[in-house]
Amino acid sequence: MATEISNPANPLRVRFTRKPVDLHEVLAATPYDERPEPVVISETRELTTAEYDVFANTLLQDRDWLAGKGGYLDHATRHVVEVKAENRKTLYVDPSGSAYGRYVGIAVEA
């Protein structure tokens, strides 16, 4: 598992939604939730568009590839799994040790 920070001087910042049911909830809640947080991408998961659509519509479902990941490993920066698919919005998932999308967010512009 590779941990990366794309630009340590200007880290990726993500606004999270806690326990969203689906992507629509993330997109609707995101502008009103907490301030954006800097994140470290611990793993990138590339999905097909069909897999992404299933994932994005069932964020509370357990997935083996999320199990035990995420959280604040260094007590300062949230570690996330980056979830990507062609022609889809990249999601940043912090299961905080669980196996589902406990915190799911999207990147915000600086």
PDB file of N, CA and C in Angstrom:
ATOM      1  N   MET A   1       0.854  -1.167   0.000  1.00  0.00           N
ATOM      2  CA  MET A   1       0.000   0.000   0.000  1.00  0.00           C
ATOM      3  C   MET A   1       0.901   1.231   0.000  1.00  0.00           C
ATOM      4  N   ALA A   2       0.786   2.026  -1.039  1.00  0.00           N
ATOM      5  CA  ALA A   2       1.612   3.221  -1.156  1.00  0.00           C
ATOM      6  C   ALA A   2       0.878   4.421  -0.593  1.00  0.00           C
ATOM      7  N   THR A   3       1.581   5.205   0.181  1.00  0.00           N
ATOM      8  CA  THR A   3       1.021   6.440   0.705  1.00  0.00           C
ATOM      9  C   THR A   3       1.636   7.590  -0.066  1.00  0.00           C
ATOM     10  N   GLU A   4       0.792   8.479  -0.540  1.00  0.00           N
ATOM     11  CA  GLU A   4       1.324   9.578  -1.333  1.00  0.00           C
ATOM     12  C   GLU A   4       0.642  10.892  -0.982  1.00  0.00           C
ATOM     13  N   ILE A   5       1.407  11.934  -1.087  1.00  0.00           N
ATOM     14  CA  ILE A   5       0.870  13.286  -1.026  1.00  0.00           C
ATOM     15  C   ILE A   5       1.307  13.918  -2.330  1.00  0.00           C
ATOM     16  N   SER A   6       0.335  14.301  -3.158  1.00  0.00           N
ATOM     17  CA  SER A   6       0.681  14.782  -4.484  1.00  0.00           C
ATOM     18  C   SER A   6       1.536  16.034  -4.443  1.00  0.00           C
ATOM     19  N   ASN A   7       1.284  16.910  -3.492  1.00  0.00           N
ATOM     20  CA  ASN A   7       2.062  18.135  -3.361  1.00  0.00           C
ATOM     21  C   ASN A   7       2.073  18.516  -1.883  1.00  0.00           C
ATOM     22  N   PRO A   8       3.111  18.140  -1.138  1.00  0.00           N
ATOM     23  CA  PRO A   8       3.123  18.390   0.303  1.00  0.00           C
ATOM     24  C   PRO A   8       2.945  19.868   0.668  1.00  0.00           C
ATOM     25  N   ALA A   9       3.382  20.781  -0.191  1.00  0.00           N
ATOM     26  CA  ALA A   9       3.236  22.208   0.105  1.00  0.00           C
ATOM     27  C   ALA A   9       1.788  22.670  -0.060  1.00  0.00           C
ATOM     28  N   ASN A  10       1.028  21.968  -0.902  1.00  0.00           N
ATOM     29  CA  ASN A  10      -0.366  22.319  -1.154  1.00  0.00           C
ATOM     30  C   ASN A  10      -1.163  21.017  -1.264  1.00  0.00           C
ATOM     31  N   PRO A  11      -1.444  20.367  -0.122  1.00  0.00           N
ATOM     32  CA  PRO A  11      -2.079  19.050  -0.155  1.00  0.00           C
ATOM     33  C   PRO A  11      -3.509  19.106  -0.696  1.00  0.00           C
ATOM     34  N   LEU A  12      -3.941  17.971  -1.202  1.00  0.00           N
ATOM     35  CA  LEU A  12      -5.315  17.814  -1.652  1.00  0.00           C
ATOM     36  C   LEU A  12      -6.232  18.051  -0.455  1.00  0.00           C
ATOM     37  N   ARG A  13      -7.288  18.820  -0.665  1.00  0.00           N
ATOM     38  CA  ARG A  13      -8.241  19.101   0.399  1.00  0.00           C
ATOM     39  C   ARG A  13      -9.600  18.550   0.002  1.00  0.00           C
ATOM     40  N   VAL A  14     -10.237  17.880   0.955  1.00  0.00           N
ATOM     41  CA  VAL A  14     -11.491  17.183   0.695  1.00  0.00           C
ATOM     42  C   VAL A  14     -12.524  17.586   1.737  1.00  0.00           C
ATOM     43  N   ARG A  15     -13.748  17.773   1.280  1.00  0.00           N
ATOM     44  CA  ARG A  15     -14.866  18.052   2.181  1.00  0.00           C
ATOM     45  C   ARG A  15     -15.678  16.759   2.297  1.00  0.00           C
ATOM     46  N   PHE A  16     -15.842  16.271   3.518  1.00  0.00           N
ATOM     47  CA  PHE A  16     -16.460  14.966   3.762  1.00  0.00           C
ATOM     48  C   PHE A  16     -17.899  15.066   4.239  1.00  0.00           C
ATOM     49  N   THR A  17     -18.637  14.001   3.969  1.00  0.00           N
ATOM     50  CA  THR A  17     -19.978  13.794   4.504  1.00  0.00           C
ATOM     51  C   THR A  17     -19.922  12.508   5.319  1.00  0.00           C
ATOM     52  N   ARG A  18     -20.486  12.531   6.517  1.00  0.00           N
ATOM     53  CA  ARG A  18     -20.448  11.366   7.402  1.00  0.00           C
ATOM     54  C   ARG A  18     -21.611  10.426   7.108  1.00  0.00           C
ATOM     55  N   LYS A  19     -21.266   9.163   6.869  1.00  0.00           N
ATOM     56  CA  LYS A  19     -22.214   8.077   6.628  1.00  0.00           C
ATOM     57  C   LYS A  19     -23.268   8.402   5.562  1.00  0.00           C
ATOM     58  N   PRO A  20     -22.825   8.837   4.389  1.00  0.00           N
ATOM     59  CA  PRO A  20     -23.805   9.096   3.330  1.00  0.00           C
ATOM     60  C   PRO A  20     -24.342   7.782   2.749  1.00  0.00           C
ATOM     61  N   VAL A  21     -25.579   7.814   2.341  1.00  0.00           N
ATOM     62  CA  VAL A  21     -26.205   6.643   1.741  1.00  0.00           C
ATOM     63  C   VAL A  21     -25.712   6.448   0.315  1.00  0.00           C
ATOM     64  N   ASP A  22     -25.584   7.575  -0.422  1.00  0.00           N
ATOM     65  CA  ASP A  22     -25.184   7.487  -1.817  1.00  0.00           C
ATOM     66  C   ASP A  22     -24.480   8.768  -2.250  1.00  0.00           C
ATOM     67  N   LEU A  23     -24.028   8.787  -3.490  1.00  0.00           N
ATOM     68  CA  LEU A  23     -23.309   9.940  -4.018  1.00  0.00           C
ATOM     69  C   LEU A  23     -24.166  11.192  -4.015  1.00  0.00           C
ATOM     70  N   HIS A  24     -25.450  11.061  -4.265  1.00  0.00           N
ATOM     71  CA  HIS A  24     -26.333  12.236  -4.259  1.00  0.00           C
ATOM     72  C   HIS A  24     -26.300  12.935  -2.903  1.00  0.00           C
ATOM     73  N   GLU A  25     -26.259  12.162  -1.835  1.00  0.00           N
ATOM     74  CA  GLU A  25     -26.181  12.741  -0.490  1.00  0.00           C
ATOM     75  C   GLU A  25     -24.850  13.454  -0.277  1.00  0.00           C
ATOM     76  N   VAL A  26     -23.770  12.887  -0.791  1.00  0.00           N
ATOM     77  CA  VAL A  26     -22.450  13.528  -0.688  1.00  0.00           C
ATOM     78  C   VAL A  26     -22.474  14.869  -1.412  1.00  0.00           C
ATOM     79  N   LEU A  27     -22.984  14.878  -2.633  1.00  0.00           N
ATOM     80  CA  LEU A  27     -23.006  16.104  -3.431  1.00  0.00           C
ATOM     81  C   LEU A  27     -23.933  17.153  -2.842  1.00  0.00           C
ATOM     82  N   ALA A  28     -25.042  16.741  -2.264  1.00  0.00           N
ATOM     83  CA  ALA A  28     -25.993  17.684  -1.675  1.00  0.00           C
ATOM     84  C   ALA A  28     -25.484  18.253  -0.361  1.00  0.00           C
ATOM     85  N   ALA A  29     -24.826  17.442   0.437  1.00  0.00           N
ATOM     86  CA  ALA A  29     -24.394  17.869   1.766  1.00  0.00           C
ATOM     87  C   ALA A  29     -23.047  18.568   1.755  1.00  0.00           C
ATOM     88  N   THR A  30     -22.212  18.236   0.820  1.00  0.00           N
ATOM     89  CA  THR A  30     -20.834  18.703   0.839  1.00  0.00           C
ATOM     90  C   THR A  30     -20.677  20.214   1.011  1.00  0.00           C
ATOM     91  N   PRO A  31     -21.410  21.058   0.308  1.00  0.00           N
ATOM     92  CA  PRO A  31     -21.186  22.492   0.485  1.00  0.00           C
ATOM     93  C   PRO A  31     -21.492  22.998   1.896  1.00  0.00           C
ATOM     94  N   TYR A  32     -22.252  22.229   2.656  1.00  0.00           N
ATOM     95  CA  TYR A  32     -22.700  22.693   3.965  1.00  0.00           C
ATOM     96  C   TYR A  32     -22.010  22.000   5.131  1.00  0.00           C
ATOM     97  N   ASP A  33     -21.236  20.963   4.851  1.00  0.00           N
ATOM     98  CA  ASP A  33     -20.583  20.222   5.921  1.00  0.00           C
ATOM     99  C   ASP A  33     -19.319  20.934   6.397  1.00  0.00           C
ATOM    100  N   GLU A  34     -18.537  20.213   7.109  1.00  0.00           N
ATOM    101  CA  GLU A  34     -17.308  20.730   7.698  1.00  0.00           C
ATOM    102  C   GLU A  34     -16.371  21.349   6.666  1.00  0.00           C
ATOM    103  N   ARG A  35     -15.410  22.112   7.186  1.00  0.00           N
ATOM    104  CA  ARG A  35     -14.386  22.690   6.313  1.00  0.00           C
ATOM    105  C   ARG A  35     -13.572  21.594   5.650  1.00  0.00           C
ATOM    106  N   PRO A  36     -13.011  21.886   4.488  1.00  0.00           N
ATOM    107  CA  PRO A  36     -12.173  20.884   3.814  1.00  0.00           C
ATOM    108  C   PRO A  36     -10.966  20.519   4.669  1.00  0.00           C
ATOM    109  N   GLU A  37     -10.547  19.265   4.549  1.00  0.00           N
ATOM    110  CA  GLU A  37      -9.402  18.757   5.303  1.00  0.00           C
ATOM    111  C   GLU A  37      -8.316  18.305   4.341  1.00  0.00           C
ATOM    112  N   PRO A  38      -7.055  18.466   4.722  1.00  0.00           N
ATOM    113  CA  PRO A  38      -5.989  17.884   3.904  1.00  0.00           C
ATOM    114  C   PRO A  38      -6.021  16.365   4.064  1.00  0.00           C
ATOM    115  N   VAL A  39      -5.730  15.655   2.979  1.00  0.00           N
ATOM    116  CA  VAL A  39      -5.746  14.198   3.032  1.00  0.00           C
ATOM    117  C   VAL A  39      -4.471  13.615   2.441  1.00  0.00           C
ATOM    118  N   VAL A  40      -4.207  12.384   2.830  1.00  0.00           N
ATOM    119  CA  VAL A  40      -3.143  11.576   2.250  1.00  0.00           C
ATOM    120  C   VAL A  40      -3.835  10.410   1.563  1.00  0.00           C
ATOM    121  N   ILE A  41      -3.523  10.189   0.307  1.00  0.00           N
ATOM    122  CA  ILE A  41      -4.098   9.072  -0.432  1.00  0.00           C
ATOM    123  C   ILE A  41      -3.266   7.826  -0.117  1.00  0.00           C
ATOM    124  N   SER A  42      -3.882   6.888   0.607  1.00  0.00           N
ATOM    125  CA  SER A  42      -3.194   5.660   0.991  1.00  0.00           C
ATOM    126  C   SER A  42      -3.270   4.605  -0.101  1.00  0.00           C
ATOM    127  N   GLU A  43      -4.333   4.675  -0.886  1.00  0.00           N
ATOM    128  CA  GLU A  43      -4.544   3.686  -1.948  1.00  0.00           C
ATOM    129  C   GLU A  43      -5.484   4.285  -2.977  1.00  0.00           C
ATOM    130  N   THR A  44      -5.295   3.913  -4.230  1.00  0.00           N
ATOM    131  CA  THR A  44      -6.213   4.313  -5.293  1.00  0.00           C
ATOM    132  C   THR A  44      -6.897   3.067  -5.817  1.00  0.00           C
ATOM    133  N   ARG A  45      -8.213   3.143  -5.890  1.00  0.00           N
ATOM    134  CA  ARG A  45      -9.013   2.016  -6.390  1.00  0.00           C
ATOM    135  C   ARG A  45      -9.664   2.456  -7.702  1.00  0.00           C
ATOM    136  N   GLU A  46      -9.272   1.840  -8.805  1.00  0.00           N
ATOM    137  CA  GLU A  46      -9.833   2.159 -10.110  1.00  0.00           C
ATOM    138  C   GLU A  46     -10.945   1.168 -10.417  1.00  0.00           C
ATOM    139  N   LEU A  47     -12.142   1.680 -10.656  1.00  0.00           N
ATOM    140  CA  LEU A  47     -13.310   0.852 -10.922  1.00  0.00           C
ATOM    141  C   LEU A  47     -13.782   1.066 -12.356  1.00  0.00           C
ATOM    142  N   THR A  48     -14.537   0.111 -12.857  1.00  0.00           N
ATOM    143  CA  THR A  48     -15.232   0.336 -14.124  1.00  0.00           C
ATOM    144  C   THR A  48     -16.374   1.303 -13.822  1.00  0.00           C
ATOM    145  N   THR A  49     -16.968   1.875 -14.842  1.00  0.00           N
ATOM    146  CA  THR A  49     -18.082   2.795 -14.581  1.00  0.00           C
ATOM    147  C   THR A  49     -19.247   2.061 -13.931  1.00  0.00           C
ATOM    148  N   ALA A  50     -19.477   0.820 -14.331  1.00  0.00           N
ATOM    149  CA  ALA A  50     -20.560   0.034 -13.718  1.00  0.00           C
ATOM    150  C   ALA A  50     -20.269  -0.225 -12.237  1.00  0.00           C
ATOM    151  N   GLU A  51     -19.035  -0.609 -11.910  1.00  0.00           N
ATOM    152  CA  GLU A  51     -18.657  -0.842 -10.510  1.00  0.00           C
ATOM    153  C   GLU A  51     -18.771   0.447  -9.699  1.00  0.00           C
ATOM    154  N   TYR A  52     -18.318   1.555 -10.280  1.00  0.00           N
ATOM    155  CA  TYR A  52     -18.391   2.850  -9.605  1.00  0.00           C
ATOM    156  C   TYR A  52     -19.844   3.203  -9.309  1.00  0.00           C
ATOM    157  N   ASP A  53     -20.713   3.030 -10.297  1.00  0.00           N
ATOM    158  CA  ASP A  53     -22.120   3.385 -10.100  1.00  0.00           C
ATOM    159  C   ASP A  53     -22.753   2.567  -8.981  1.00  0.00           C
ATOM    160  N   VAL A  54     -22.419   1.285  -8.905  1.00  0.00           N
ATOM    161  CA  VAL A  54     -22.929   0.447  -7.808  1.00  0.00           C
ATOM    162  C   VAL A  54     -22.365   0.959  -6.486  1.00  0.00           C
ATOM    163  N   PHE A  55     -21.061   1.202  -6.436  1.00  0.00           N
ATOM    164  CA  PHE A  55     -20.433   1.709  -5.218  1.00  0.00           C
ATOM    165  C   PHE A  55     -21.069   3.031  -4.778  1.00  0.00           C
ATOM    166  N   ALA A  56     -21.199   3.962  -5.722  1.00  0.00           N
ATOM    167  CA  ALA A  56     -21.707   5.299  -5.410  1.00  0.00           C
ATOM    168  C   ALA A  56     -23.166   5.293  -4.950  1.00  0.00           C
ATOM    169  N   ASN A  57     -23.891   4.241  -5.265  1.00  0.00           N
ATOM    170  CA  ASN A  57     -25.289   4.150  -4.851  1.00  0.00           C
ATOM    171  C   ASN A  57     -25.494   3.293  -3.611  1.00  0.00           C
ATOM    172  N   THR A  58     -24.399   2.726  -3.087  1.00  0.00           N
ATOM    173  CA  THR A  58     -24.486   1.863  -1.892  1.00  0.00           C
ATOM    174  C   THR A  58     -23.265   2.101  -1.003  1.00  0.00           C
ATOM    175  N   LEU A  59     -23.039   3.332  -0.600  1.00  0.00           N
ATOM    176  CA  LEU A  59     -21.827   3.689   0.147  1.00  0.00           C
ATOM    177  C   LEU A  59     -21.750   3.056   1.533  1.00  0.00           C
ATOM    178  N   LEU A  60     -22.883   2.659   2.086  1.00  0.00           N
ATOM    179  CA  LEU A  60     -22.881   2.060   3.426  1.00  0.00           C
ATOM    180  C   LEU A  60     -22.691   0.543   3.405  1.00  0.00           C
ATOM    181  N   GLN A  61     -22.570  -0.027   2.217  1.00  0.00           N
ATOM    182  CA  GLN A  61     -22.338  -1.473   2.098  1.00  0.00           C
ATOM    183  C   GLN A  61     -20.868  -1.790   2.343  1.00  0.00           C
ATOM    184  N   ASP A  62     -20.606  -2.850   3.110  1.00  0.00           N
ATOM    185  CA  ASP A  62     -19.224  -3.270   3.370  1.00  0.00           C
ATOM    186  C   ASP A  62     -18.554  -3.745   2.098  1.00  0.00           C
ATOM    187  N   ARG A  63     -17.273  -3.416   1.998  1.00  0.00           N
ATOM    188  CA  ARG A  63     -16.449  -3.868   0.881  1.00  0.00           C
ATOM    189  C   ARG A  63     -15.100  -4.300   1.430  1.00  0.00           C
ATOM    190  N   ASP A  64     -14.657  -5.471   1.008  1.00  0.00           N
ATOM    191  CA  ASP A  64     -13.382  -6.016   1.488  1.00  0.00           C
ATOM    192  C   ASP A  64     -12.230  -5.052   1.262  1.00  0.00           C
ATOM    193  N   TRP A  65     -12.224  -4.342   0.138  1.00  0.00           N
ATOM    194  CA  TRP A  65     -11.100  -3.485  -0.211  1.00  0.00           C
ATOM    195  C   TRP A  65     -11.046  -2.192   0.611  1.00  0.00           C
ATOM    196  N   LEU A  66     -12.062  -1.937   1.426  1.00  0.00           N
ATOM    197  CA  LEU A  66     -12.034  -0.781   2.338  1.00  0.00           C
ATOM    198  C   LEU A  66     -11.708  -1.187   3.778  1.00  0.00           C
ATOM    199  N   ALA A  67     -11.811  -2.448   4.074  1.00  0.00           N
ATOM    200  CA  ALA A  67     -11.686  -2.941   5.455  1.00  0.00           C
ATOM    201  C   ALA A  67     -10.376  -2.526   6.104  1.00  0.00           C
ATOM    202  N   GLY A  68     -10.504  -1.908   7.278  1.00  0.00           N
ATOM    203  CA  GLY A  68      -9.350  -1.558   8.099  1.00  0.00           C
ATOM    204  C   GLY A  68      -8.550  -0.350   7.637  1.00  0.00           C
ATOM    205  N   LYS A  69      -9.030   0.358   6.648  1.00  0.00           N
ATOM    206  CA  LYS A  69      -8.264   1.485   6.108  1.00  0.00           C
ATOM    207  C   LYS A  69      -8.790   2.804   6.640  1.00  0.00           C
ATOM    208  N   GLY A  70      -8.035   3.868   6.336  1.00  0.00           N
ATOM    209  CA  GLY A  70      -8.465   5.217   6.681  1.00  0.00           C
ATOM    210  C   GLY A  70      -8.100   5.629   8.087  1.00  0.00           C
ATOM    211  N   GLY A  71      -8.654   6.761   8.483  1.00  0.00           N
ATOM    212  CA  GLY A  71      -8.409   7.305   9.807  1.00  0.00           C
ATOM    213  C   GLY A  71      -7.270   8.307   9.813  1.00  0.00           C
ATOM    214  N   TYR A  72      -6.901   8.715  11.003  1.00  0.00           N
ATOM    215  CA  TYR A  72      -5.826   9.688  11.206  1.00  0.00           C
ATOM    216  C   TYR A  72      -4.602   8.946  11.726  1.00  0.00           C
ATOM    217  N   LEU A  73      -3.854   8.354  10.824  1.00  0.00           N
ATOM    218  CA  LEU A  73      -2.718   7.532  11.226  1.00  0.00           C
ATOM    219  C   LEU A  73      -1.605   8.342  11.869  1.00  0.00           C
ATOM    220  N   ASP A  74      -1.483   9.613  11.496  1.00  0.00           N
ATOM    221  CA  ASP A  74      -0.442  10.469  12.062  1.00  0.00           C
ATOM    222  C   ASP A  74      -1.032  11.526  13.001  1.00  0.00           C
ATOM    223  N   HIS A  75      -2.284  11.366  13.368  1.00  0.00           N
ATOM    224  CA  HIS A  75      -3.002  12.267  14.279  1.00  0.00           C
ATOM    225  C   HIS A  75      -3.170  13.684  13.735  1.00  0.00           C
ATOM    226  N   ALA A  76      -2.903  13.875  12.440  1.00  0.00           N
ATOM    227  CA  ALA A  76      -3.035  15.218  11.876  1.00  0.00           C
ATOM    228  C   ALA A  76      -3.734  15.224  10.530  1.00  0.00           C
ATOM    229  N   THR A  77      -3.464  14.209   9.724  1.00  0.00           N
ATOM    230  CA  THR A  77      -3.989  14.188   8.369  1.00  0.00           C
ATOM    231  C   THR A  77      -4.791  12.920   8.145  1.00  0.00           C
ATOM    232  N   ARG A  78      -5.957  13.098   7.558  1.00  0.00           N
ATOM    233  CA  ARG A  78      -6.840  11.964   7.282  1.00  0.00           C
ATOM    234  C   ARG A  78      -6.284  11.150   6.117  1.00  0.00           C
ATOM    235  N   HIS A  79      -6.248   9.825   6.281  1.00  0.00           N
ATOM    236  CA  HIS A  79      -5.806   8.923   5.223  1.00  0.00           C
ATOM    237  C   HIS A  79      -7.034   8.361   4.524  1.00  0.00           C
ATOM    238  N   VAL A  80      -6.991   8.329   3.197  1.00  0.00           N
ATOM    239  CA  VAL A  80      -8.168   7.963   2.420  1.00  0.00           C
ATOM    240  C   VAL A  80      -7.837   6.972   1.306  1.00  0.00           C
ATOM    241  N   VAL A  81      -8.900   6.345   0.819  1.00  0.00           N
ATOM    242  CA  VAL A  81      -8.831   5.542  -0.397  1.00  0.00           C
ATOM    243  C   VAL A  81      -9.463   6.397  -1.491  1.00  0.00           C
ATOM    244  N   GLU A  82      -8.717   6.626  -2.541  1.00  0.00           N
ATOM    245  CA  GLU A  82      -9.209   7.379  -3.690  1.00  0.00           C
ATOM    246  C   GLU A  82      -9.941   6.399  -4.602  1.00  0.00           C
ATOM    247  N   VAL A  83     -11.183   6.716  -4.972  1.00  0.00           N
ATOM    248  CA  VAL A  83     -11.991   5.833  -5.808  1.00  0.00           C
ATOM    249  C   VAL A  83     -12.278   6.551  -7.119  1.00  0.00           C
ATOM    250  N   LYS A  84     -11.831   5.929  -8.235  1.00  0.00           N
ATOM    251  CA  LYS A  84     -11.921   6.569  -9.545  1.00  0.00           C
ATOM    252  C   LYS A  84     -12.582   5.654 -10.565  1.00  0.00           C
ATOM    253  N   ALA A  85     -13.185   6.291 -11.568  1.00  0.00           N
ATOM    254  CA  ALA A  85     -13.675   5.596 -12.755  1.00  0.00           C
ATOM    255  C   ALA A  85     -13.733   6.627 -13.873  1.00  0.00           C
ATOM    256  N   GLU A  86     -13.621   6.146 -15.081  1.00  0.00           N
ATOM    257  CA  GLU A  86     -13.655   7.036 -16.239  1.00  0.00           C
ATOM    258  C   GLU A  86     -14.983   7.797 -16.281  1.00  0.00           C
ATOM    259  N   ASN A  87     -14.897   9.097 -16.529  1.00  0.00           N
ATOM    260  CA  ASN A  87     -16.073   9.984 -16.648  1.00  0.00           C
ATOM    261  C   ASN A  87     -16.926  10.037 -15.382  1.00  0.00           C
ATOM    262  N   ARG A  88     -16.307   9.819 -14.228  1.00  0.00           N
ATOM    263  CA  ARG A  88     -17.018   9.905 -12.950  1.00  0.00           C
ATOM    264  C   ARG A  88     -16.220  10.789 -12.009  1.00  0.00           C
ATOM    265  N   LYS A  89     -16.892  11.393 -11.035  1.00  0.00           N
ATOM    266  CA  LYS A  89     -16.255  12.233 -10.034  1.00  0.00           C
ATOM    267  C   LYS A  89     -15.420  11.368  -9.093  1.00  0.00           C
ATOM    268  N   THR A  90     -14.174  11.760  -8.875  1.00  0.00           N
ATOM    269  CA  THR A  90     -13.309  11.013  -7.962  1.00  0.00           C
ATOM    270  C   THR A  90     -13.805  11.201  -6.532  1.00  0.00           C
ATOM    271  N   LEU A  91     -13.908  10.094  -5.817  1.00  0.00           N
ATOM    272  CA  LEU A  91     -14.350  10.120  -4.425  1.00  0.00           C
ATOM    273  C   LEU A  91     -13.179   9.785  -3.520  1.00  0.00           C
ATOM    274  N   TYR A  92     -13.222  10.324  -2.317  1.00  0.00           N
ATOM    275  CA  TYR A  92     -12.205  10.057  -1.301  1.00  0.00           C
ATOM    276  C   TYR A  92     -12.932   9.466  -0.115  1.00  0.00           C
ATOM    277  N   VAL A  93     -12.551   8.232   0.241  1.00  0.00           N
ATOM    278  CA  VAL A  93     -13.286   7.467   1.243  1.00  0.00           C
ATOM    279  C   VAL A  93     -12.387   7.194   2.443  1.00  0.00           C
ATOM    280  N   ASP A  94     -12.902   7.535   3.618  1.00  0.00           N
ATOM    281  CA  ASP A  94     -12.236   7.207   4.874  1.00  0.00           C
ATOM    282  C   ASP A  94     -13.162   6.288   5.651  1.00  0.00           C
ATOM    283  N   PRO A  95     -12.911   4.978   5.580  1.00  0.00           N
ATOM    284  CA  PRO A  95     -13.750   4.059   6.338  1.00  0.00           C
ATOM    285  C   PRO A  95     -13.447   4.070   7.836  1.00  0.00           C
ATOM    286  N   SER A  96     -12.373   4.748   8.239  1.00  0.00           N
ATOM    287  CA  SER A  96     -11.979   4.836   9.655  1.00  0.00           C
ATOM    288  C   SER A  96     -11.958   3.469  10.327  1.00  0.00           C
ATOM    289  N   GLY A  97     -11.327   2.509   9.656  1.00  0.00           N
ATOM    290  CA  GLY A  97     -11.184   1.176  10.205  1.00  0.00           C
ATOM    291  C   GLY A  97     -12.333   0.239   9.894  1.00  0.00           C
ATOM    292  N   SER A  98     -13.420   0.759   9.364  1.00  0.00           N
ATOM    293  CA  SER A  98     -14.552  -0.088   8.984  1.00  0.00           C
ATOM    294  C   SER A  98     -14.361  -0.580   7.558  1.00  0.00           C
ATOM    295  N   ALA A  99     -15.420  -1.110   6.975  1.00  0.00           N
ATOM    296  CA  ALA A  99     -15.341  -1.625   5.606  1.00  0.00           C
ATOM    297  C   ALA A  99     -16.337  -0.935   4.681  1.00  0.00           C
ATOM    298  N   TYR A 100     -16.890   0.204   5.114  1.00  0.00           N
ATOM    299  CA  TYR A 100     -17.861   0.934   4.295  1.00  0.00           C
ATOM    300  C   TYR A 100     -17.470   2.414   4.248  1.00  0.00           C
ATOM    301  N   GLY A 101     -18.180   3.182   3.464  1.00  0.00           N
ATOM    302  CA  GLY A 101     -17.873   4.600   3.316  1.00  0.00           C
ATOM    303  C   GLY A 101     -18.353   5.435   4.489  1.00  0.00           C
ATOM    304  N   ARG A 102     -17.684   5.317   5.613  1.00  0.00           N
ATOM    305  CA  ARG A 102     -18.080   6.078   6.808  1.00  0.00           C
ATOM    306  C   ARG A 102     -17.982   7.588   6.554  1.00  0.00           C
ATOM    307  N   TYR A 103     -16.898   8.020   5.927  1.00  0.00           N
ATOM    308  CA  TYR A 103     -16.733   9.411   5.505  1.00  0.00           C
ATOM    309  C   TYR A 103     -16.392   9.393   4.024  1.00  0.00           C
ATOM    310  N   VAL A 104     -17.202  10.057   3.218  1.00  0.00           N
ATOM    311  CA  VAL A 104     -16.973  10.108   1.788  1.00  0.00           C
ATOM    312  C   VAL A 104     -16.986  11.570   1.379  1.00  0.00           C
ATOM    313  N   GLY A 105     -16.002  11.946   0.565  1.00  0.00           N
ATOM    314  CA  GLY A 105     -15.910  13.347   0.171  1.00  0.00           C
ATOM    315  C   GLY A 105     -15.429  13.526  -1.243  1.00  0.00           C
ATOM    316  N   ILE A 106     -15.467  14.790  -1.643  1.00  0.00           N
ATOM    317  CA  ILE A 106     -14.950  15.186  -2.944  1.00  0.00           C
ATOM    318  C   ILE A 106     -13.932  16.308  -2.721  1.00  0.00           C
ATOM    319  N   ALA A 107     -12.986  16.403  -3.637  1.00  0.00           N
ATOM    320  CA  ALA A 107     -11.953  17.435  -3.538  1.00  0.00           C
ATOM    321  C   ALA A 107     -12.581  18.804  -3.771  1.00  0.00           C
ATOM    322  N   VAL A 108     -11.999  19.803  -3.117  1.00  0.00           N
ATOM    323  CA  VAL A 108     -12.452  21.177  -3.311  1.00  0.00           C
ATOM    324  C   VAL A 108     -11.320  21.977  -3.915  1.00  0.00           C
ATOM    325  N   GLU A 109     -11.698  22.999  -4.623  1.00  0.00           N
ATOM    326  CA  GLU A 109     -10.695  23.886  -5.222  1.00  0.00           C
ATOM    327  C   GLU A 109     -10.030  24.712  -4.126  1.00  0.00           C
ATOM    328  N   ALA A 110      -8.771  25.006  -4.307  1.00  0.00           N
ATOM    329  CA  ALA A 110      -8.018  25.781  -3.313  1.00  0.00           C
ATOM    330  C   ALA A 110      -8.503  27.204  -3.240  1.00  0.00           C
TER     331      ALA A 110
END
